[in-house]
Protein backbone atom coordinates (compact mmCIF):
# COMPACT_ATOMS: atom_id res chain seq x y z
CA UNK A 1 -0.17 19.77 9.48
CA UNK A 2 2.62 22.32 10.03
CA UNK A 3 2.91 24.79 7.04
CA UNK A 4 5.92 25.46 7.28
CA UNK A 5 7.02 22.15 7.10
CA UNK A 6 5.19 21.20 4.02
CA UNK A 7 6.27 24.21 2.44
CA UNK A 8 10.02 22.74 3.44
CA UNK A 9 9.81 20.02 1.93
CA UNK A 10 7.71 20.63 -1.19
CA UNK A 11 9.90 23.56 -2.13
CA UNK A 12 13.15 20.91 -1.42
CA UNK A 13 11.60 18.69 -3.48
CA UNK A 14 10.27 21.20 -6.82
CA UNK A 15 14.56 22.32 -6.59
CA UNK A 16 15.83 19.33 -7.61
CA UNK A 17 13.17 18.18 -10.14
CA UNK A 18 14.00 21.56 -11.63
CA UNK A 19 17.76 20.30 -11.43
CA UNK A 20 16.45 16.83 -13.15
CA UNK A 21 14.96 18.17 -15.80
CA UNK A 22 17.98 19.74 -17.53
CA UNK A 23 18.78 16.39 -18.06
CA UNK A 24 17.70 16.33 -21.49
CA UNK A 25 19.88 19.36 -22.47
CA UNK A 26 22.63 16.84 -22.83
CA UNK A 27 21.22 15.02 -25.10
CA UNK A 28 19.70 17.67 -27.15
CA UNK A 29 23.07 19.24 -27.35
CA UNK A 30 24.78 15.92 -28.41
CA UNK A 31 21.77 15.30 -31.61
CA UNK A 32 22.32 19.38 -32.37
CA UNK A 33 18.66 19.12 -31.37
CA UNK A 34 19.01 23.15 -29.84
CA UNK A 35 14.81 23.82 -30.50
CA UNK A 36 14.73 21.43 -27.43
CA UNK A 37 17.08 23.10 -25.03
CA UNK A 38 13.82 26.17 -24.43
CA UNK A 39 11.64 23.26 -23.24
CA UNK A 40 13.24 21.72 -20.82
CA UNK A 41 15.30 24.73 -19.72
CA UNK A 42 11.92 26.60 -19.24
CA UNK A 43 10.11 24.28 -17.06
CA UNK A 44 13.47 23.88 -15.27
CA UNK A 45 13.31 27.61 -14.09
CA UNK A 46 9.86 27.41 -12.82
CA UNK A 47 10.54 23.88 -11.09
CA UNK A 48 13.40 25.35 -9.05
CA UNK A 49 11.79 28.92 -8.58
CA UNK A 50 8.89 27.85 -7.56
CA UNK A 51 11.13 26.02 -5.25
CA UNK A 52 12.30 28.62 -3.58
CA UNK A 53 9.68 31.31 -3.75
CA UNK A 54 7.98 28.65 -1.60
CA UNK A 55 10.93 28.23 0.90
CA UNK A 56 11.27 31.95 1.43
CA UNK A 57 7.81 33.64 1.34
CA UNK A 58 5.53 30.38 3.17
CA UNK A 59 5.93 32.16 7.12
CA UNK A 60 9.54 30.52 9.03
CA UNK A 61 9.41 27.69 6.00
CA UNK A 62 13.37 28.38 4.94
CA UNK A 63 14.10 28.19 9.30
CA UNK A 64 13.43 24.94 8.95
CA UNK A 65 16.49 22.95 9.21
CA UNK A 66 15.45 19.34 9.58
CA UNK A 67 12.73 17.37 8.98
CA UNK A 68 13.37 14.52 11.19
CA UNK A 69 10.12 15.36 13.12
CA UNK A 70 8.14 15.00 10.90
CA UNK A 71 4.38 13.71 11.54
CA UNK A 72 2.94 10.80 9.03
CA UNK A 73 -0.18 12.83 7.63
CA UNK A 74 2.33 15.74 6.74
CA UNK A 75 4.54 12.89 4.55
CA UNK A 76 1.12 11.46 3.22
CA UNK A 77 0.61 14.83 2.31
CA UNK A 78 4.12 15.84 1.16
CA UNK A 79 4.34 12.65 -0.91
CA UNK A 80 0.58 12.98 -2.88
CA UNK A 81 1.53 16.51 -3.79
CA UNK A 82 5.12 15.85 -4.50
CA UNK A 83 3.70 13.72 -7.20
CA UNK A 84 1.19 16.01 -8.49
CA UNK A 85 3.93 18.46 -9.07
CA UNK A 86 6.39 15.83 -11.01
CA UNK A 87 3.36 15.41 -13.09
CA UNK A 88 2.84 19.03 -13.74
CA UNK A 89 6.50 20.00 -14.28
CA UNK A 90 7.50 17.26 -16.39
CA UNK A 91 4.33 17.86 -18.69
CA UNK A 92 5.68 21.55 -19.17
CA UNK A 93 8.20 21.08 -21.92
CA UNK A 94 5.99 18.47 -24.42
CA UNK A 95 3.67 22.08 -24.43
CA UNK A 96 6.45 23.43 -26.39
CA UNK A 97 6.24 21.02 -29.31
CA UNK A 98 2.37 21.89 -29.75
CA UNK A 99 0.98 19.20 -27.61
CA UNK A 100 -2.41 20.35 -25.27
CA UNK A 101 -2.17 21.22 -21.72
CA UNK A 102 -4.90 18.11 -21.14
CA UNK A 103 -2.52 16.04 -23.46
CA UNK A 104 0.82 16.69 -21.98
CA UNK A 105 -0.02 16.26 -18.44
CA UNK A 106 -1.59 12.80 -19.86
CA UNK A 107 1.45 12.07 -21.30
CA UNK A 108 3.34 13.19 -18.24
CA UNK A 109 1.40 11.79 -15.64
CA UNK A 110 1.57 8.26 -17.60
CA UNK A 111 5.38 8.40 -17.34
CA UNK A 112 5.51 9.05 -13.71
CA UNK A 113 3.59 6.91 -12.57
CA UNK A 114 4.72 4.03 -15.15
CA UNK A 115 1.42 3.61 -16.57
CA UNK A 116 2.09 3.91 -20.09
CA UNK A 117 -0.57 4.64 -21.55
CA UNK A 118 -0.03 7.06 -24.11
CA UNK A 119 -1.89 9.91 -26.74
CA UNK A 120 0.74 10.09 -29.65
CA UNK A 121 -0.28 9.81 -32.97
CA UNK A 122 2.67 10.33 -34.28
CA UNK A 123 6.75 9.78 -33.45
CA UNK A 124 8.35 12.86 -35.19
CA UNK A 125 9.59 14.04 -32.27
CA UNK A 126 13.27 14.68 -30.61
CA UNK A 127 15.59 12.87 -29.50
CA UNK A 128 15.61 14.87 -26.60
CA UNK A 129 11.62 14.01 -26.57
CA UNK A 130 11.79 10.28 -26.19
CA UNK A 131 14.90 10.27 -23.21
CA UNK A 132 12.84 12.97 -21.03
CA UNK A 133 9.72 10.55 -21.85
CA UNK A 134 11.56 7.54 -20.82
CA UNK A 135 13.70 9.12 -17.90
CA UNK A 136 10.21 10.05 -16.08
CA UNK A 137 9.31 6.26 -16.32
CA UNK A 138 12.17 5.83 -14.81
CA UNK A 139 12.30 7.94 -12.21
CA UNK A 140 8.71 6.79 -10.90
CA UNK A 141 9.11 3.32 -11.05
CA UNK A 142 11.17 3.64 -8.06
CA UNK A 143 9.50 6.57 -6.97
CA UNK A 144 11.12 10.26 -6.53
CA UNK A 145 11.23 10.29 -3.05
CA UNK A 146 12.98 7.10 -2.70
CA UNK A 147 15.65 8.80 -5.57
CA UNK A 148 15.40 12.15 -3.18
CA UNK A 149 15.85 10.10 0.24
CA UNK A 150 18.78 8.03 -0.27
CA UNK A 151 20.54 11.43 -2.10
CA UNK A 152 19.48 14.44 0.34
CA UNK A 153 20.59 14.76 3.78
CA UNK A 154 17.29 16.70 5.04
CA UNK A 155 15.26 13.61 4.35
CA UNK A 156 18.06 11.10 6.29
CA UNK A 157 15.54 10.15 8.95
CA UNK A 158 12.39 11.93 8.35
CA UNK A 159 12.88 9.72 4.76
CA UNK A 160 11.33 6.38 6.59
CA UNK A 161 7.72 8.31 7.00
CA UNK A 162 7.71 9.40 3.21
CA UNK A 163 9.73 6.16 1.94
CA UNK A 164 6.38 3.99 3.39
CA UNK A 165 4.50 6.54 2.22
CA UNK A 166 4.98 6.67 -1.68
CA UNK A 167 5.94 3.24 -1.51
CA UNK A 168 3.55 1.47 0.05
CA UNK A 169 2.37 -1.77 1.04
CA UNK A 170 1.49 -4.97 3.33
CA UNK A 171 4.16 -4.78 5.15
CA UNK A 172 6.90 -2.05 6.11
CA UNK A 173 10.41 -3.96 4.22
CA UNK A 174 13.00 -2.12 4.71
CA UNK A 175 16.26 -4.52 4.74
CA UNK A 176 18.61 -1.96 6.44
CA UNK A 177 18.95 -0.10 10.13
CA UNK A 178 18.22 2.79 8.10
CA UNK A 179 15.75 3.92 5.69
CA UNK A 180 18.08 6.15 3.76
CA UNK A 181 20.47 3.11 3.18
CA UNK A 182 17.43 1.35 2.03
CA UNK A 183 16.72 3.23 -0.65
CA UNK A 184 20.15 4.17 -1.82
CA UNK A 185 20.31 0.34 -2.18
CA UNK A 186 17.04 0.20 -4.19
CA UNK A 187 18.04 2.73 -6.39
CA UNK A 188 21.70 0.53 -7.05
CA UNK A 189 20.01 -2.81 -7.79
CA UNK A 190 17.56 -0.57 -10.36
CA UNK A 191 20.13 1.07 -11.91
CA UNK A 192 22.30 -2.09 -11.83
CA UNK A 193 19.99 -4.51 -13.88
CA UNK A 194 19.06 -1.15 -16.04
CA UNK A 195 22.94 -0.46 -17.43
CA UNK A 196 22.76 -4.62 -17.56
CA UNK A 197 19.68 -4.51 -20.08
CA UNK A 198 21.13 -1.81 -21.85
CA UNK A 199 24.05 -3.72 -23.04
CA UNK A 200 22.03 -6.36 -23.51
CA UNK A 201 19.98 -4.73 -25.83
CA UNK A 202 22.62 -2.97 -27.59
CA UNK A 203 24.83 -6.28 -28.25
CA UNK A 204 20.88 -8.33 -30.18
CA UNK A 205 21.30 -5.09 -32.01
CA UNK A 206 19.01 -2.18 -31.10
CA UNK A 207 20.20 1.90 -30.87
CA UNK A 208 22.26 3.28 -28.12
CA UNK A 209 19.57 5.22 -27.80
CA UNK A 210 16.96 3.30 -28.18
CA UNK A 211 18.28 0.37 -25.91
CA UNK A 212 18.41 3.51 -22.93
CA UNK A 213 14.97 4.85 -23.47
CA UNK A 214 13.26 0.87 -23.89
CA UNK A 215 15.57 -0.17 -20.82
CA UNK A 216 14.18 2.80 -18.69
CA UNK A 217 10.92 1.35 -19.40
CA UNK A 218 11.23 -1.78 -19.15
CA UNK A 219 13.02 -1.92 -15.56
CA UNK A 220 9.88 1.26 -14.58
CA UNK A 221 7.20 -1.42 -15.61
CA UNK A 222 5.88 1.31 -17.51
CA UNK A 223 6.32 0.60 -21.03
CA UNK A 224 6.65 3.52 -23.23
CA UNK A 225 9.50 2.93 -26.18
CA UNK A 226 10.56 5.68 -28.75
CA UNK A 227 9.45 2.96 -31.88
CA UNK A 228 5.56 3.79 -32.56
CA UNK A 229 4.91 -0.15 -32.71
CA UNK A 230 6.71 -0.64 -29.40
CA UNK A 231 8.88 -3.99 -29.35
CA UNK A 232 6.83 -5.79 -31.86
CA UNK A 233 8.52 -2.82 -34.16
CA UNK A 234 11.93 -3.92 -33.62
CA UNK A 235 11.39 -8.04 -35.53
CA UNK A 236 13.40 -9.27 -33.24
CA UNK A 237 13.27 -12.66 -30.87
CA UNK A 238 16.63 -11.89 -29.08
CA UNK A 239 15.16 -7.95 -28.17
CA UNK A 240 11.41 -9.81 -27.35
CA UNK A 241 13.07 -12.19 -25.14
CA UNK A 242 15.54 -9.90 -23.58
CA UNK A 243 13.03 -7.52 -22.44
CA UNK A 244 11.02 -10.01 -21.69
CA UNK A 245 13.32 -11.50 -18.59
CA UNK A 246 13.86 -8.16 -17.50
CA UNK A 247 10.38 -7.27 -17.05
CA UNK A 248 10.05 -10.31 -15.26
CA UNK A 249 12.57 -9.31 -13.13
CA UNK A 250 10.76 -5.29 -12.41
CA UNK A 251 8.19 -7.15 -11.12
CA UNK A 252 9.82 -9.08 -8.79
CA UNK A 253 10.30 -7.74 -5.26
CA UNK A 254 14.19 -5.81 -5.53
CA UNK A 255 14.34 -5.77 -2.09
CA UNK A 256 14.25 -9.99 -2.83
CA UNK A 257 16.87 -9.02 -5.69
CA UNK A 258 19.14 -7.31 -3.16
CA UNK A 259 19.61 -10.09 -0.79
CA UNK A 260 19.86 -12.04 -3.75
CA UNK A 261 22.99 -10.34 -5.08
CA UNK A 262 24.12 -9.45 -1.90
CA UNK A 263 24.36 -13.30 -0.69
CA UNK A 264 24.94 -14.53 -4.36
CA UNK A 265 23.04 -16.80 -4.01
CA UNK A 266 19.71 -16.12 -6.78
CA UNK A 267 17.90 -19.32 -5.38
CA UNK A 268 17.06 -16.58 -2.04
CA UNK A 269 14.00 -15.71 -4.93
CA UNK A 270 12.35 -19.66 -4.56
CA UNK A 271 12.32 -19.69 -0.44
CA UNK A 272 9.74 -16.22 -0.83
CA UNK A 273 6.23 -17.28 -0.91
CA UNK A 274 4.84 -14.26 -3.35
CA UNK A 275 7.50 -14.72 -5.68
CA UNK A 276 6.86 -18.25 -6.53
CA UNK A 277 3.38 -17.63 -6.97
CA UNK A 278 3.91 -14.49 -8.65
CA UNK A 279 6.08 -17.00 -10.76
CA UNK A 280 3.27 -19.89 -11.00
CA UNK A 281 0.83 -17.24 -11.67
CA UNK A 282 3.03 -16.05 -15.15
CA UNK A 283 3.22 -19.17 -16.17
CA UNK A 284 -0.08 -20.59 -15.67
CA UNK A 285 -1.72 -17.78 -17.10
CA UNK A 286 0.53 -18.23 -19.99
CA UNK A 287 0.07 -21.54 -20.45
CA UNK A 288 -3.35 -21.02 -20.94
CA UNK A 289 -3.28 -17.99 -23.46
CA UNK A 290 -0.13 -19.94 -25.52
CA UNK A 291 -2.15 -22.93 -26.50
CA UNK A 292 -5.49 -20.37 -27.22
CA UNK A 293 -2.90 -18.52 -29.77
CA UNK A 294 -2.05 -22.11 -30.93
CA UNK A 295 -6.10 -23.25 -31.60
CA UNK A 296 -7.30 -20.13 -32.43
CA UNK A 297 -4.73 -17.66 -34.09
CA UNK A 298 -2.40 -20.71 -35.69
CA UNK A 299 0.42 -19.23 -33.82
CA UNK A 300 3.12 -21.59 -34.40
CA UNK A 301 4.68 -23.19 -31.00
CA UNK A 302 7.57 -21.03 -30.59
CA UNK A 303 5.38 -18.17 -31.31
CA UNK A 304 2.46 -18.92 -29.00
CA UNK A 305 4.40 -19.14 -25.96
CA UNK A 306 6.64 -16.08 -27.15
CA UNK A 307 3.82 -14.47 -27.19
CA UNK A 308 1.64 -15.08 -24.09
CA UNK A 309 4.73 -14.88 -21.81
CA UNK A 310 5.61 -11.96 -23.31
CA UNK A 311 2.16 -10.62 -22.76
CA UNK A 312 1.53 -11.63 -19.74
CA UNK A 313 4.45 -10.84 -17.58
CA UNK A 314 4.21 -7.21 -20.07
CA UNK A 315 0.51 -7.04 -18.18
CA UNK A 316 0.64 -8.43 -15.23
CA UNK A 317 3.79 -6.38 -14.79
CA UNK A 318 2.12 -3.44 -15.28
CA UNK A 319 4.83 -2.57 -18.29
CA UNK A 320 2.47 -2.72 -20.80
CA UNK A 321 4.63 -2.99 -23.66
CA UNK A 322 3.53 -4.91 -27.06
CA UNK A 323 5.67 -7.56 -28.37
CA UNK A 324 2.46 -7.68 -31.08
CA UNK A 325 -0.69 -6.09 -31.25
CA UNK A 326 -2.98 -8.18 -28.85
CA UNK A 327 -6.55 -6.26 -29.74
CA UNK A 328 -6.48 -8.68 -32.77
CA UNK A 329 -6.34 -11.65 -31.13
CA UNK A 330 -9.93 -13.78 -30.66
CA UNK A 331 -12.42 -13.61 -27.92
CA UNK A 332 -11.00 -16.30 -25.44
CA UNK A 333 -7.07 -15.34 -25.86
CA UNK A 334 -8.28 -11.18 -25.08
CA UNK A 335 -10.68 -12.11 -22.40
CA UNK A 336 -7.71 -14.11 -20.32
CA UNK A 337 -5.39 -11.30 -21.18
CA UNK A 338 -7.85 -8.63 -19.56
CA UNK A 339 -7.75 -11.04 -16.10
CA UNK A 340 -4.43 -10.75 -16.19
CA UNK A 341 -4.52 -7.17 -15.47
CA UNK A 342 -6.15 -7.96 -12.36
CA UNK A 343 -3.02 -9.80 -11.01
CA UNK A 344 -1.00 -7.72 -9.95
CA UNK A 345 3.45 -7.80 -9.44
CA UNK A 346 5.32 -8.75 -6.14
CA UNK A 347 5.18 -5.88 -3.35
CA UNK A 348 8.32 -3.59 -3.44
CA UNK A 349 8.27 -4.05 -7.34
CA UNK A 350 8.02 -1.31 -10.38
CA UNK A 351 5.16 -3.31 -11.31
CA UNK A 352 1.52 -1.87 -10.83
CA UNK A 353 -1.58 -3.53 -9.48
CA UNK A 354 -3.73 -4.72 -6.31
CA UNK A 355 0.37 -6.97 -5.76
CA UNK A 356 0.58 -10.86 -4.71
CA UNK A 357 0.80 -10.78 -1.39
CA UNK A 358 -2.60 -8.73 -1.09
CA UNK A 359 -4.10 -11.09 -3.07
CA UNK A 360 -2.00 -14.31 -1.22
CA UNK A 361 -3.70 -12.71 1.82
CA UNK A 362 -7.07 -12.34 0.35
CA UNK A 363 -7.78 -15.73 -0.41
CA UNK A 364 -6.10 -17.09 2.70
CA UNK A 365 -8.36 -15.04 5.01
CA UNK A 366 -11.40 -16.28 2.71
CA UNK A 367 -10.16 -20.15 2.91
CA UNK A 368 -10.25 -19.54 7.01
CA UNK A 369 -13.25 -18.41 6.99
CA UNK A 370 -14.43 -21.24 5.44
CA UNK A 371 -13.26 -23.59 7.82
CA UNK A 372 -14.62 -21.47 10.45
CA UNK A 373 -17.86 -22.01 9.17
CA UNK A 374 -16.84 -25.97 9.63
CA UNK A 375 -15.24 -25.28 12.81
CA UNK A 376 -16.85 -21.94 14.95
CA UNK A 377 -13.77 -23.27 17.49
CA UNK A 378 -10.92 -23.03 15.42
CA UNK A 379 -7.93 -20.83 15.67
CA UNK A 380 -6.85 -19.86 12.23
CA UNK A 381 -3.39 -18.22 11.36
CA UNK A 382 -2.92 -16.11 8.08
CA UNK A 383 0.84 -16.92 7.76
CA UNK A 384 3.00 -15.31 4.93
CA UNK A 385 6.62 -17.39 4.45
CA UNK A 386 5.90 -19.14 7.74
CA UNK A 387 5.14 -15.47 9.50
CA UNK A 388 2.20 -14.93 10.95
CA UNK A 389 -0.05 -11.74 9.17
CA UNK A 390 -1.46 -9.70 11.84
CA UNK A 391 -5.28 -9.28 12.39
CA UNK A 392 -5.10 -5.00 11.68
CA UNK A 393 -2.90 -6.59 8.51
CA UNK A 394 -5.43 -8.16 7.14
CA UNK A 395 -8.55 -5.50 7.85
CA UNK A 396 -6.47 -2.88 5.78
CA UNK A 397 -5.94 -5.56 2.96
CA UNK A 398 -9.54 -5.86 2.69
CA UNK A 399 -10.66 -2.26 2.86
CA UNK A 400 -7.85 -1.52 0.00
CA UNK A 401 -8.68 -3.96 -2.19
CA UNK A 402 -12.78 -2.62 -1.21
CA UNK A 403 -11.33 0.64 -2.25
CA UNK A 404 -9.33 -0.08 -5.45
CA UNK A 405 -12.28 -1.79 -7.23
CA UNK A 406 -14.71 0.57 -5.96
CA UNK A 407 -12.29 3.58 -7.68
CA UNK A 408 -11.66 1.07 -10.73
CA UNK A 409 -15.99 0.42 -10.84
CA UNK A 410 -16.56 4.28 -10.47
CA UNK A 411 -13.53 4.99 -13.01
CA UNK A 412 -15.22 2.63 -15.63
CA UNK A 413 -18.72 3.88 -15.34
CA UNK A 414 -18.17 7.29 -15.99
CA UNK A 415 -15.72 6.52 -19.00
CA UNK A 416 -18.37 4.38 -20.43
CA UNK A 417 -20.94 6.94 -20.39
CA UNK A 418 -18.79 9.13 -21.74
CA UNK A 419 -17.52 8.22 -24.81
CA UNK A 420 -20.57 5.42 -25.25
CA UNK A 421 -18.33 2.20 -25.39
CA UNK A 422 -18.01 -0.62 -22.61
CA UNK A 423 -15.34 -1.99 -23.56
CA UNK A 424 -13.07 1.51 -23.76
CA UNK A 425 -14.05 2.25 -19.94
CA UNK A 426 -13.55 -1.06 -18.43
CA UNK A 427 -9.99 -1.34 -20.10
CA UNK A 428 -9.46 2.26 -19.74
CA UNK A 429 -9.81 2.38 -16.14
CA UNK A 430 -8.13 -0.59 -15.11
CA UNK A 431 -5.66 0.48 -17.26
CA UNK A 432 -5.05 3.64 -15.65
CA UNK A 433 -5.79 2.59 -11.81
CA UNK A 434 -3.11 -0.42 -12.96
CA UNK A 435 -1.13 1.85 -13.80
CA UNK A 436 -1.20 -0.75 -16.91
CA UNK A 437 -0.96 1.47 -20.05
CA UNK A 438 -2.61 -0.14 -23.44
CA UNK A 439 -6.69 -0.67 -24.04
CA UNK A 440 -7.70 -3.60 -25.31
CA UNK A 441 -9.67 -1.49 -28.36
CA UNK A 442 -8.25 -0.99 -32.15
CA UNK A 443 -8.38 2.49 -31.40
CA UNK A 444 -6.47 2.70 -28.05
CA UNK A 445 -4.90 -0.48 -28.02
CA UNK A 446 -0.62 -1.47 -28.09
CA UNK A 447 -0.19 0.51 -31.39
CA UNK A 448 -3.27 2.62 -30.81
CA UNK A 449 -3.68 6.08 -29.12
CA UNK A 450 -5.66 7.34 -26.11
CA UNK A 451 -6.17 11.35 -27.94
CA UNK A 452 -9.02 10.66 -29.68
CA UNK A 453 -10.77 9.60 -26.16
CA UNK A 454 -13.09 12.69 -24.16
CA UNK A 455 -11.09 15.03 -22.50
CA UNK A 456 -13.11 14.12 -19.35
CA UNK A 457 -12.37 10.64 -19.83
CA UNK A 458 -8.21 12.07 -20.00
CA UNK A 459 -8.78 13.80 -16.51
CA UNK A 460 -10.25 10.80 -15.11
CA UNK A 461 -7.57 8.27 -16.34
CA UNK A 462 -5.00 10.79 -14.93
CA UNK A 463 -7.17 11.16 -11.39
CA UNK A 464 -7.20 6.75 -11.67
CA UNK A 465 -3.25 6.67 -12.70
CA UNK A 466 -2.06 8.68 -9.34
CA UNK A 467 -4.35 7.18 -7.39
CA UNK A 468 -3.21 3.90 -8.45
CA UNK A 469 0.51 4.73 -8.33
CA UNK A 470 -0.01 5.75 -4.70
CA UNK A 471 -2.04 2.30 -3.78
CA UNK A 472 -4.95 5.52 -2.52
CA UNK A 473 -3.69 5.41 0.95
CA UNK A 474 -2.24 9.10 0.38
CA UNK A 475 -5.22 10.33 -1.88
CA UNK A 476 -7.79 8.49 0.92
CA UNK A 477 -6.14 9.57 4.32
CA UNK A 478 -6.34 13.22 2.02
CA UNK A 479 -10.67 12.64 2.65
CA UNK A 480 -10.67 12.77 6.57
CA UNK A 481 -11.54 16.29 7.65
CA UNK A 482 -9.15 15.82 10.75
CA UNK A 483 -6.14 15.64 7.61
CA UNK A 484 -6.85 19.11 6.98
CA UNK A 485 -5.91 20.82 10.20
CA UNK A 486 -3.54 23.02 9.36
CA UNK A 487 -0.45 25.30 11.38
CA UNK A 488 1.89 27.54 10.67
CA UNK A 489 4.43 26.09 12.28
């Protein structure tokens, strides 16, 4: 890897991250919360100056006019480091509000990775604080690198490597000839749907500020809300159903939604096998939980369907917001909802988790192996949407799923030992690695906070959130010794 290329790219990203951090100052000025200007101005200054220093003092970094010949290892490194830096810089303003460094980093990383787990125990903070908290999710939902690819000419060609490093999936799914056009189209769809949701929430009676913050959290599949009781705190079925629908869209492929919008044909969605599987899984699990809520919790049929559907979509898409305190549900309902944590949403969506395409390929591979036991000479191709999946892709997916559960198990065991509570360990692990958000206990559930867990448990969750958001690959590659062969240019 070439240090001058790394310094140039990371420095450039830090400069623009610094510019983005200036945006909450406008909110602070609007609400006359002048004390909130300093936290964001200081964080922006640190980020911009650090970025300029990297480009100036690393040998020949400033002479790199183009990143067009960037290598895959370099792209993986840049993406991984950029997310770590983004988390640190994004958490800097929180320090000015009396939040400890570890808690500030936890809240920040939870935001940018769209996990939505929080350490806040009170919500007596200025508007600029909550605006930044929501904006970090919205930027992280589609990816900060994808945004820069869309707007920065330096990444016009080189962006391909970083695009697929930040948004990894079973296949490279781009729908325009140029990766910059793909990134731009995705952001237009993402922003457009967000604006529609804001308008609908305001019409439903939510304040404009809360509508913006909740739309940021919904479309990013993040779940942060300025209301301490999440969506339950608004006491409105209209708001609940609006957010429910947009959460579902956040978990569907934005590539697919772009095609549906361009072709003006929503039925394009139903021609996609992954979307059909996603929809079927959501409806099936929602149905089971709704029955359980009606029978065991004595919910009305409408309330059972509403809250079951909301929580299944929220957990499956890794949004993590709540229409009800599901920590108070009966054992059967909570067990079914815990299983949903492993479900995942669609590829190329804002949702986290393993993703539906991977599960489809895993189960189809298992089925093909069972058939081969009876028919050893059979030639069986694994297909998605009538397209054969290459064997190397299948191998990568099997390895990915293995490492996903390995990371989950390691973090779960360590947090269980630290907290001396298996429920907290298991829930905290999957909620961080899957970027889901709330835990299951009363303390860390949807109306609770992770403020009270051990400091090392928080650090483990921070690692899990970053690894889960980048889907393991950039971090696993870093364990290869060849990856660290550095040279000056």
